[in-house]
C-alpha cells in the first residue's frame, strides 16, 4: 500500500469515527466498519459509506433490510448521494489531507443524513409503508415482511440479517 493510500485510509477512518458521533442522536450506531444501523421491529434501516478505491471520496447509500429476508447481501434499495435529486455537488464527500477538507466531508455526510436520509427513513419507517406499492422494497422483500407479520418468519434468515449488519 502506498503512502498516499495509507493516508487516505487513515483519513477515511477519522471521518467515519466523527460521523458516528454526529449521527448518534438519530439512533444510528456503527455496527460494521462501513455500516451504521437503526433496528426496527421487522427491519433494519442502514447507512453505508462506500469509500472509492480510485479517489479520496465517499458515496452514501441508504437502505432497509427486512430481517426475514434470505438475500445474501444488504440490498442498497434506497437513495444514494450520487443520484439524489438536487443541486449538483451539493454535498462534498471528497477529502484530502488538509483538516478543512476532512471537516467539510464530515459536515456534508451529516447534512446528507439529516436533510435527505432521515426524511426518507421516516417515510418508510413502519411496516405498512414498506408494504405499499411505492415502497423501496422488492416484491420478494415485501413478501418476506408479510410472512414475518403473520408470525411466519424464518429464524435463520433473521439471525443472518442481524449478523450481516452487525446488529446484536
Foldseek 3Di string as FASTA:
>chain_A
DDPQVVLLVVLVQVLVVLLQVLCVVVVWHQQDSFKTWHDDPFKIWIWGWDQDPVASFTKIATAIGGLLDDDQAGDSLGDMPVPDDDDPPPQGGHAHNDPVRSVSNSVRVSCCCVVPVVVVCVCVVDLVSCLDPPHSDDPRSSVSSVCVVVVNGDPVSNVSNCVNRRHD
